[in-house]
Amino acid sequence: MSQLNDGLTPTRTARVKFMNNSFKIKSSQDKLDLELITIKGFLLRCSHSVSGYEARMRNWTTLVHRRCLAENRHEARAADNRMNNQSEE
């Protein structure tokens, strides 16, 4: 309620969102099992949950890839510095 009083948009916790998504997927799975909806209908109903997961995994993978590239560059520079120091001796 304090968010409404402060003029902010109310937000739900991540747990509530995951529980709602889980309920929607379970409900859709039950309807699919009873052949009340098609596989396409099931996928359309659940795509919002999957697309969010996919986006989070894509962002995580990109972050890990960038960190690996940065570490490789750092290691290459360190190796170059060691070689330069050895040749100067």
PDB file of N, CA and C in Angstrom:
ATOM      1  N   MET A   1       0.819  -1.194   0.000  1.00  0.00           N
ATOM      2  CA  MET A   1       0.000   0.000   0.000  1.00  0.00           C
ATOM      3  C   MET A   1       0.857   1.249   0.000  1.00  0.00           C
ATOM      4  N   SER A   2       2.015   1.211   0.616  1.00  0.00           N
ATOM      5  CA  SER A   2       2.852   2.409   0.669  1.00  0.00           C
ATOM      6  C   SER A   2       3.308   2.817  -0.724  1.00  0.00           C
ATOM      7  N   GLN A   3       3.474   1.844  -1.616  1.00  0.00           N
ATOM      8  CA  GLN A   3       3.857   2.187  -2.987  1.00  0.00           C
ATOM      9  C   GLN A   3       2.758   3.006  -3.659  1.00  0.00           C
ATOM     10  N   LEU A   4       1.506   2.636  -3.438  1.00  0.00           N
ATOM     11  CA  LEU A   4       0.397   3.387  -4.014  1.00  0.00           C
ATOM     12  C   LEU A   4       0.337   4.794  -3.438  1.00  0.00           C
ATOM     13  N   ASN A   5       0.525   4.899  -2.141  1.00  0.00           N
ATOM     14  CA  ASN A   5       0.497   6.206  -1.487  1.00  0.00           C
ATOM     15  C   ASN A   5       1.617   7.110  -1.975  1.00  0.00           C
ATOM     16  N   ASP A   6       2.764   6.512  -2.338  1.00  0.00           N
ATOM     17  CA  ASP A   6       3.908   7.282  -2.819  1.00  0.00           C
ATOM     18  C   ASP A   6       3.842   7.555  -4.322  1.00  0.00           C
ATOM     19  N   GLY A   7       2.775   7.103  -4.973  1.00  0.00           N
ATOM     20  CA  GLY A   7       2.610   7.334  -6.404  1.00  0.00           C
ATOM     21  C   GLY A   7       3.421   6.380  -7.269  1.00  0.00           C
ATOM     22  N   LEU A   8       3.876   5.274  -6.694  1.00  0.00           N
ATOM     23  CA  LEU A   8       4.672   4.296  -7.436  1.00  0.00           C
ATOM     24  C   LEU A   8       3.787   3.164  -7.939  1.00  0.00           C
ATOM     25  N   THR A   9       4.275   2.465  -8.942  1.00  0.00           N
ATOM     26  CA  THR A   9       3.567   1.302  -9.455  1.00  0.00           C
ATOM     27  C   THR A   9       3.812   0.129  -8.519  1.00  0.00           C
ATOM     28  N   PRO A  10       2.761  -0.535  -8.083  1.00  0.00           N
ATOM     29  CA  PRO A  10       2.959  -1.689  -7.193  1.00  0.00           C
ATOM     30  C   PRO A  10       3.721  -2.792  -7.914  1.00  0.00           C
ATOM     31  N   THR A  11       4.630  -3.430  -7.206  1.00  0.00           N
ATOM     32  CA  THR A  11       5.387  -4.535  -7.780  1.00  0.00           C
ATOM     33  C   THR A  11       5.140  -5.787  -6.953  1.00  0.00           C
ATOM     34  N   ARG A  12       5.291  -6.915  -7.618  1.00  0.00           N
ATOM     35  CA  ARG A  12       5.164  -8.186  -6.926  1.00  0.00           C
ATOM     36  C   ARG A  12       6.554  -8.773  -6.759  1.00  0.00           C
ATOM     37  N   THR A  13       6.734  -9.567  -5.757  1.00  0.00           N
ATOM     38  CA  THR A  13       8.031 -10.203  -5.561  1.00  0.00           C
ATOM     39  C   THR A  13       8.253 -11.247  -6.643  1.00  0.00           C
ATOM     40  N   ALA A  14       9.493 -11.597  -6.847  1.00  0.00           N
ATOM     41  CA  ALA A  14       9.833 -12.610  -7.854  1.00  0.00           C
ATOM     42  C   ALA A  14       9.149 -13.933  -7.532  1.00  0.00           C
ATOM     43  N   ARG A  15       9.034 -14.243  -6.254  1.00  0.00           N
ATOM     44  CA  ARG A  15       8.425 -15.510  -5.863  1.00  0.00           C
ATOM     45  C   ARG A  15       6.982 -15.598  -6.358  1.00  0.00           C
ATOM     46  N   VAL A  16       6.230 -14.530  -6.222  1.00  0.00           N
ATOM     47  CA  VAL A  16       4.843 -14.520  -6.681  1.00  0.00           C
ATOM     48  C   VAL A  16       4.786 -14.715  -8.192  1.00  0.00           C
ATOM     49  N   LYS A  17       5.681 -14.054  -8.901  1.00  0.00           N
ATOM     50  CA  LYS A  17       5.713 -14.198 -10.364  1.00  0.00           C
ATOM     51  C   LYS A  17       6.008 -15.640 -10.758  1.00  0.00           C
ATOM     52  N   PHE A  18       6.982 -16.267 -10.084  1.00  0.00           N
ATOM     53  CA  PHE A  18       7.315 -17.644 -10.405  1.00  0.00           C
ATOM     54  C   PHE A  18       6.171 -18.587 -10.066  1.00  0.00           C
ATOM     55  N   MET A  19       5.494 -18.324  -8.970  1.00  0.00           N
ATOM     56  CA  MET A  19       4.352 -19.162  -8.592  1.00  0.00           C
ATOM     57  C   MET A  19       3.233 -19.024  -9.620  1.00  0.00           C
ATOM     58  N   ASN A  20       2.969 -17.801 -10.078  1.00  0.00           N
ATOM     59  CA  ASN A  20       1.942 -17.596 -11.101  1.00  0.00           C
ATOM     60  C   ASN A  20       2.310 -18.294 -12.398  1.00  0.00           C
ATOM     61  N   ASN A  21       3.581 -18.168 -12.809  1.00  0.00           N
ATOM     62  CA  ASN A  21       4.019 -18.845 -14.028  1.00  0.00           C
ATOM     63  C   ASN A  21       3.895 -20.353 -13.878  1.00  0.00           C
ATOM     64  N   SER A  22       4.277 -20.870 -12.727  1.00  0.00           N
ATOM     65  CA  SER A  22       4.187 -22.304 -12.483  1.00  0.00           C
ATOM     66  C   SER A  22       2.733 -22.772 -12.561  1.00  0.00           C
ATOM     67  N   PHE A  23       1.821 -21.989 -11.983  1.00  0.00           N
ATOM     68  CA  PHE A  23       0.404 -22.344 -12.042  1.00  0.00           C
ATOM     69  C   PHE A  23      -0.111 -22.338 -13.481  1.00  0.00           C
ATOM     70  N   LYS A  24       0.281 -21.328 -14.254  1.00  0.00           N
ATOM     71  CA  LYS A  24      -0.155 -21.247 -15.651  1.00  0.00           C
ATOM     72  C   LYS A  24       0.364 -22.433 -16.462  1.00  0.00           C
ATOM     73  N   ILE A  25       1.621 -22.797 -16.231  1.00  0.00           N
ATOM     74  CA  ILE A  25       2.195 -23.934 -16.954  1.00  0.00           C
ATOM     75  C   ILE A  25       1.495 -25.226 -16.549  1.00  0.00           C
ATOM     76  N   LYS A  26       1.279 -25.415 -15.251  1.00  0.00           N
ATOM     77  CA  LYS A  26       0.596 -26.630 -14.767  1.00  0.00           C
ATOM     78  C   LYS A  26      -0.816 -26.718 -15.326  1.00  0.00           C
ATOM     79  N   SER A  27      -1.528 -25.610 -15.300  1.00  0.00           N
ATOM     80  CA  SER A  27      -2.887 -25.574 -15.824  1.00  0.00           C
ATOM     81  C   SER A  27      -2.902 -25.902 -17.315  1.00  0.00           C
ATOM     82  N   SER A  28      -1.972 -25.321 -18.041  1.00  0.00           N
ATOM     83  CA  SER A  28      -1.889 -25.584 -19.484  1.00  0.00           C
ATOM     84  C   SER A  28      -1.507 -27.032 -19.745  1.00  0.00           C
ATOM     85  N   GLN A  29      -0.609 -27.589 -18.925  1.00  0.00           N
ATOM     86  CA  GLN A  29      -0.213 -28.988 -19.079  1.00  0.00           C
ATOM     87  C   GLN A  29      -1.406 -29.905 -18.845  1.00  0.00           C
ATOM     88  N   ASP A  30      -2.217 -29.612 -17.839  1.00  0.00           N
ATOM     89  CA  ASP A  30      -3.411 -30.410 -17.575  1.00  0.00           C
ATOM     90  C   ASP A  30      -4.372 -30.361 -18.765  1.00  0.00           C
ATOM     91  N   LYS A  31      -4.570 -29.187 -19.319  1.00  0.00           N
ATOM     92  CA  LYS A  31      -5.463 -29.051 -20.477  1.00  0.00           C
ATOM     93  C   LYS A  31      -4.915 -29.780 -21.693  1.00  0.00           C
ATOM     94  N   LEU A  32      -3.581 -29.747 -21.843  1.00  0.00           N
ATOM     95  CA  LEU A  32      -2.956 -30.475 -22.952  1.00  0.00           C
ATOM     96  C   LEU A  32      -3.137 -31.974 -22.766  1.00  0.00           C
ATOM     97  N   ASP A  33      -2.943 -32.465 -21.549  1.00  0.00           N
ATOM     98  CA  ASP A  33      -3.119 -33.892 -21.261  1.00  0.00           C
ATOM     99  C   ASP A  33      -4.550 -34.348 -21.534  1.00  0.00           C
ATOM    100  N   LEU A  34      -5.513 -33.465 -21.271  1.00  0.00           N
ATOM    101  CA  LEU A  34      -6.925 -33.795 -21.518  1.00  0.00           C
ATOM    102  C   LEU A  34      -7.343 -33.503 -22.957  1.00  0.00           C
ATOM    103  N   GLU A  35      -6.374 -33.087 -23.770  1.00  0.00           N
ATOM    104  CA  GLU A  35      -6.592 -32.744 -25.183  1.00  0.00           C
ATOM    105  C   GLU A  35      -7.617 -31.629 -25.352  1.00  0.00           C
ATOM    106  N   LEU A  36      -7.659 -30.710 -24.380  1.00  0.00           N
ATOM    107  CA  LEU A  36      -8.544 -29.545 -24.487  1.00  0.00           C
ATOM    108  C   LEU A  36      -7.872 -28.429 -25.289  1.00  0.00           C
ATOM    109  N   ILE A  37      -6.546 -28.478 -25.357  1.00  0.00           N
ATOM    110  CA  ILE A  37      -5.791 -27.528 -26.181  1.00  0.00           C
ATOM    111  C   ILE A  37      -4.763 -28.310 -26.996  1.00  0.00           C
ATOM    112  N   THR A  38      -4.296 -27.698 -28.070  1.00  0.00           N
ATOM    113  CA  THR A  38      -3.280 -28.330 -28.913  1.00  0.00           C
ATOM    114  C   THR A  38      -1.889 -28.019 -28.359  1.00  0.00           C
ATOM    115  N   ILE A  39      -0.905 -28.679 -28.932  1.00  0.00           N
ATOM    116  CA  ILE A  39       0.475 -28.389 -28.530  1.00  0.00           C
ATOM    117  C   ILE A  39       0.799 -26.928 -28.829  1.00  0.00           C
ATOM    118  N   LYS A  40       0.314 -26.433 -29.972  1.00  0.00           N
ATOM    119  CA  LYS A  40       0.537 -25.035 -30.319  1.00  0.00           C
ATOM    120  C   LYS A  40      -0.105 -24.125 -29.266  1.00  0.00           C
ATOM    121  N   GLY A  41      -1.303 -24.459 -28.828  1.00  0.00           N
ATOM    122  CA  GLY A  41      -1.972 -23.680 -27.788  1.00  0.00           C
ATOM    123  C   GLY A  41      -1.197 -23.692 -26.487  1.00  0.00           C
ATOM    124  N   PHE A  42      -0.649 -24.874 -26.145  1.00  0.00           N
ATOM    125  CA  PHE A  42       0.157 -24.995 -24.937  1.00  0.00           C
ATOM    126  C   PHE A  42       1.389 -24.090 -25.031  1.00  0.00           C
ATOM    127  N   LEU A  43       2.061 -24.157 -26.170  1.00  0.00           N
ATOM    128  CA  LEU A  43       3.269 -23.348 -26.351  1.00  0.00           C
ATOM    129  C   LEU A  43       2.958 -21.857 -26.306  1.00  0.00           C
ATOM    130  N   LEU A  44       1.844 -21.479 -26.895  1.00  0.00           N
ATOM    131  CA  LEU A  44       1.468 -20.067 -26.865  1.00  0.00           C
ATOM    132  C   LEU A  44       1.160 -19.605 -25.449  1.00  0.00           C
ATOM    133  N   ARG A  45       0.501 -20.458 -24.675  1.00  0.00           N
ATOM    134  CA  ARG A  45       0.168 -20.089 -23.291  1.00  0.00           C
ATOM    135  C   ARG A  45       1.412 -20.001 -22.406  1.00  0.00           C
ATOM    136  N   CYS A  46       2.410 -20.821 -22.689  1.00  0.00           N
ATOM    137  CA  CYS A  46       3.600 -20.890 -21.823  1.00  0.00           C
ATOM    138  C   CYS A  46       4.786 -20.100 -22.361  1.00  0.00           C
ATOM    139  N   SER A  47       4.666 -19.540 -23.543  1.00  0.00           N
ATOM    140  CA  SER A  47       5.822 -18.890 -24.169  1.00  0.00           C
ATOM    141  C   SER A  47       6.343 -17.717 -23.363  1.00  0.00           C
ATOM    142  N   HIS A  48       5.468 -17.011 -22.626  1.00  0.00           N
ATOM    143  CA  HIS A  48       5.939 -15.870 -21.832  1.00  0.00           C
ATOM    144  C   HIS A  48       6.906 -16.316 -20.740  1.00  0.00           C
ATOM    145  N   SER A  49       6.655 -17.478 -20.158  1.00  0.00           N
ATOM    146  CA  SER A  49       7.550 -17.991 -19.113  1.00  0.00           C
ATOM    147  C   SER A  49       8.883 -18.420 -19.713  1.00  0.00           C
ATOM    148  N   VAL A  50       8.812 -19.102 -20.826  1.00  0.00           N
ATOM    149  CA  VAL A  50      10.014 -19.613 -21.464  1.00  0.00           C
ATOM    150  C   VAL A  50      10.851 -18.473 -22.038  1.00  0.00           C
ATOM    151  N   SER A  51      10.205 -17.478 -22.622  1.00  0.00           N
ATOM    152  CA  SER A  51      10.971 -16.378 -23.213  1.00  0.00           C
ATOM    153  C   SER A  51      11.726 -15.593 -22.146  1.00  0.00           C
ATOM    154  N   GLY A  52      11.126 -15.417 -20.978  1.00  0.00           N
ATOM    155  CA  GLY A  52      11.817 -14.742 -19.886  1.00  0.00           C
ATOM    156  C   GLY A  52      13.031 -15.533 -19.420  1.00  0.00           C
ATOM    157  N   TYR A  53      12.863 -16.848 -19.304  1.00  0.00           N
ATOM    158  CA  TYR A  53      13.971 -17.718 -18.905  1.00  0.00           C
ATOM    159  C   TYR A  53      15.075 -17.665 -19.946  1.00  0.00           C
ATOM    160  N   GLU A  54      14.673 -17.744 -21.208  1.00  0.00           N
ATOM    161  CA  GLU A  54      15.649 -17.713 -22.298  1.00  0.00           C
ATOM    162  C   GLU A  54      16.434 -16.399 -22.295  1.00  0.00           C
ATOM    163  N   ALA A  55      15.748 -15.297 -22.072  1.00  0.00           N
ATOM    164  CA  ALA A  55      16.413 -13.993 -22.044  1.00  0.00           C
ATOM    165  C   ALA A  55      17.412 -13.922 -20.886  1.00  0.00           C
ATOM    166  N   ARG A  56      17.030 -14.437 -19.715  1.00  0.00           N
ATOM    167  CA  ARG A  56      17.953 -14.432 -18.576  1.00  0.00           C
ATOM    168  C   ARG A  56      19.177 -15.292 -18.854  1.00  0.00           C
ATOM    169  N   MET A  57      18.978 -16.459 -19.458  1.00  0.00           N
ATOM    170  CA  MET A  57      20.103 -17.334 -19.775  1.00  0.00           C
ATOM    171  C   MET A  57      21.002 -16.702 -20.843  1.00  0.00           C
ATOM    172  N   ARG A  58      20.406 -16.041 -21.831  1.00  0.00           N
ATOM    173  CA  ARG A  58      21.187 -15.373 -22.875  1.00  0.00           C
ATOM    174  C   ARG A  58      22.032 -14.253 -22.268  1.00  0.00           C
ATOM    175  N   ASN A  59      21.445 -13.469 -21.382  1.00  0.00           N
ATOM    176  CA  ASN A  59      22.185 -12.394 -20.721  1.00  0.00           C
ATOM    177  C   ASN A  59      23.315 -12.947 -19.859  1.00  0.00           C
ATOM    178  N   TRP A  60      23.052 -14.033 -19.141  1.00  0.00           N
ATOM    179  CA  TRP A  60      24.073 -14.644 -18.303  1.00  0.00           C
ATOM    180  C   TRP A  60      25.219 -15.172 -19.161  1.00  0.00           C
ATOM    181  N   THR A  61      24.886 -15.846 -20.270  1.00  0.00           N
ATOM    182  CA  THR A  61      25.902 -16.398 -21.163  1.00  0.00           C
ATOM    183  C   THR A  61      26.758 -15.288 -21.750  1.00  0.00           C
ATOM    184  N   THR A  62      26.138 -14.203 -22.140  1.00  0.00           N
ATOM    185  CA  THR A  62      26.877 -13.066 -22.692  1.00  0.00           C
ATOM    186  C   THR A  62      27.827 -12.492 -21.655  1.00  0.00           C
ATOM    187  N   LEU A  63      27.358 -12.358 -20.427  1.00  0.00           N
ATOM    188  CA  LEU A  63      28.205 -11.836 -19.356  1.00  0.00           C
ATOM    189  C   LEU A  63      29.402 -12.748 -19.119  1.00  0.00           C
ATOM    190  N   VAL A  64      29.175 -14.055 -19.047  1.00  0.00           N
ATOM    191  CA  VAL A  64      30.265 -15.011 -18.834  1.00  0.00           C
ATOM    192  C   VAL A  64      31.250 -14.947 -19.993  1.00  0.00           C
ATOM    193  N   HIS A  65      30.740 -14.872 -21.219  1.00  0.00           N
ATOM    194  CA  HIS A  65      31.604 -14.805 -22.401  1.00  0.00           C
ATOM    195  C   HIS A  65      32.481 -13.555 -22.346  1.00  0.00           C
ATOM    196  N   ARG A  66      31.892 -12.413 -21.992  1.00  0.00           N
ATOM    197  CA  ARG A  66      32.664 -11.169 -21.903  1.00  0.00           C
ATOM    198  C   ARG A  66      33.742 -11.268 -20.837  1.00  0.00           C
ATOM    199  N   ARG A  67      33.410 -11.881 -19.706  1.00  0.00           N
ATOM    200  CA  ARG A  67      34.411 -12.037 -18.644  1.00  0.00           C
ATOM    201  C   ARG A  67      35.560 -12.930 -19.102  1.00  0.00           C
ATOM    202  N   CYS A  68      35.244 -14.007 -19.815  1.00  0.00           N
ATOM    203  CA  CYS A  68      36.285 -14.906 -20.316  1.00  0.00           C
ATOM    204  C   CYS A  68      37.191 -14.177 -21.302  1.00  0.00           C
ATOM    205  N   LEU A  69      36.603 -13.392 -22.192  1.00  0.00           N
ATOM    206  CA  LEU A  69      37.405 -12.624 -23.144  1.00  0.00           C
ATOM    207  C   LEU A  69      38.326 -11.655 -22.414  1.00  0.00           C
ATOM    208  N   ALA A  70      37.812 -10.985 -21.402  1.00  0.00           N
ATOM    209  CA  ALA A  70      38.623 -10.035 -20.633  1.00  0.00           C
ATOM    210  C   ALA A  70      39.760 -10.752 -19.923  1.00  0.00           C
ATOM    211  N   GLU A  71      39.483 -11.917 -19.344  1.00  0.00           N
ATOM    212  CA  GLU A  71      40.535 -12.679 -18.670  1.00  0.00           C
ATOM    213  C   GLU A  71      41.598 -13.129 -19.661  1.00  0.00           C
ATOM    214  N   ASN A  72      41.169 -13.565 -20.850  1.00  0.00           N
ATOM    215  CA  ASN A  72      42.125 -13.999 -21.867  1.00  0.00           C
ATOM    216  C   ASN A  72      43.012 -12.838 -22.303  1.00  0.00           C
ATOM    217  N   ARG A  73      42.426 -11.650 -22.473  1.00  0.00           N
ATOM    218  CA  ARG A  73      43.214 -10.479 -22.846  1.00  0.00           C
ATOM    219  C   ARG A  73      44.215 -10.143 -21.756  1.00  0.00           C
ATOM    220  N   HIS A  74      43.780 -10.219 -20.517  1.00  0.00           N
ATOM    221  CA  HIS A  74      44.659  -9.932 -19.382  1.00  0.00           C
ATOM    222  C   HIS A  74      45.825 -10.926 -19.344  1.00  0.00           C
ATOM    223  N   GLU A  75      45.531 -12.202 -19.535  1.00  0.00           N
ATOM    224  CA  GLU A  75      46.575 -13.227 -19.530  1.00  0.00           C
ATOM    225  C   GLU A  75      47.542 -13.034 -20.693  1.00  0.00           C
ATOM    226  N   ALA A  76      47.032 -12.658 -21.858  1.00  0.00           N
ATOM    227  CA  ALA A  76      47.895 -12.429 -23.022  1.00  0.00           C
ATOM    228  C   ALA A  76      48.826 -11.245 -22.770  1.00  0.00           C
ATOM    229  N   ARG A  77      48.302 -10.182 -22.182  1.00  0.00           N
ATOM    230  CA  ARG A  77      49.146  -9.021 -21.864  1.00  0.00           C
ATOM    231  C   ARG A  77      50.228  -9.393 -20.856  1.00  0.00           C
ATOM    232  N   ALA A  78      49.860 -10.174 -19.850  1.00  0.00           N
ATOM    233  CA  ALA A  78      50.828 -10.593 -18.835  1.00  0.00           C
ATOM    234  C   ALA A  78      51.930 -11.431 -19.469  1.00  0.00           C
ATOM    235  N   ALA A  79      51.555 -12.329 -20.387  1.00  0.00           N
ATOM    236  CA  ALA A  79      52.554 -13.155 -21.071  1.00  0.00           C
ATOM    237  C   ALA A  79      53.470 -12.286 -21.928  1.00  0.00           C
ATOM    238  N   ASP A  80      52.896 -11.313 -22.632  1.00  0.00           N
ATOM    239  CA  ASP A  80      53.708 -10.389 -23.441  1.00  0.00           C
ATOM    240  C   ASP A  80      54.683  -9.622 -22.565  1.00  0.00           C
ATOM    241  N   ASN A  81      54.219  -9.148 -21.419  1.00  0.00           N
ATOM    242  CA  ASN A  81      55.091  -8.412 -20.501  1.00  0.00           C
ATOM    243  C   ASN A  81      56.233  -9.283 -19.997  1.00  0.00           C
ATOM    244  N   ARG A  82      55.933 -10.553 -19.687  1.00  0.00           N
ATOM    245  CA  ARG A  82      56.985 -11.469 -19.226  1.00  0.00           C
ATOM    246  C   ARG A  82      58.025 -11.689 -20.318  1.00  0.00           C
ATOM    247  N   MET A  83      57.559 -11.860 -21.551  1.00  0.00           N
ATOM    248  CA  MET A  83      58.482 -12.080 -22.668  1.00  0.00           C
ATOM    249  C   MET A  83      59.338 -10.839 -22.905  1.00  0.00           C
ATOM    250  N   ASN A  84      58.747  -9.666 -22.835  1.00  0.00           N
ATOM    251  CA  ASN A  84      59.491  -8.409 -23.031  1.00  0.00           C
ATOM    252  C   ASN A  84      60.537  -8.234 -21.920  1.00  0.00           C
ATOM    253  N   ASN A  85      60.180  -8.549 -20.698  1.00  0.00           N
ATOM    254  CA  ASN A  85      61.102  -8.423 -19.579  1.00  0.00           C
ATOM    255  C   ASN A  85      62.273  -9.404 -19.710  1.00  0.00           C
ATOM    256  N   GLN A  86      62.011 -10.619 -20.208  1.00  0.00           N
ATOM    257  CA  GLN A  86      63.065 -11.613 -20.384  1.00  0.00           C
ATOM    258  C   GLN A  86      64.025 -11.206 -21.497  1.00  0.00           C
ATOM    259  N   SER A  87      63.484 -10.619 -22.580  1.00  0.00           N
ATOM    260  CA  SER A  87      64.340 -10.227 -23.703  1.00  0.00           C
ATOM    261  C   SER A  87      65.206  -9.021 -23.359  1.00  0.00           C
ATOM    262  N   GLU A  88      64.781  -8.189 -22.422  1.00  0.00           N
ATOM    263  CA  GLU A  88      65.551  -7.026 -22.013  1.00  0.00           C
ATOM    264  C   GLU A  88      66.708  -7.412 -21.094  1.00  0.00           C
ATOM    265  N   GLU A  89      66.638  -8.587 -20.471  1.00  0.00           N
ATOM    266  CA  GLU A  89      67.686  -8.988 -19.527  1.00  0.00           C
ATOM    267  C   GLU A  89      68.857  -9.483 -20.231  1.00  0.00           C
TER     268      GLU A  89
END
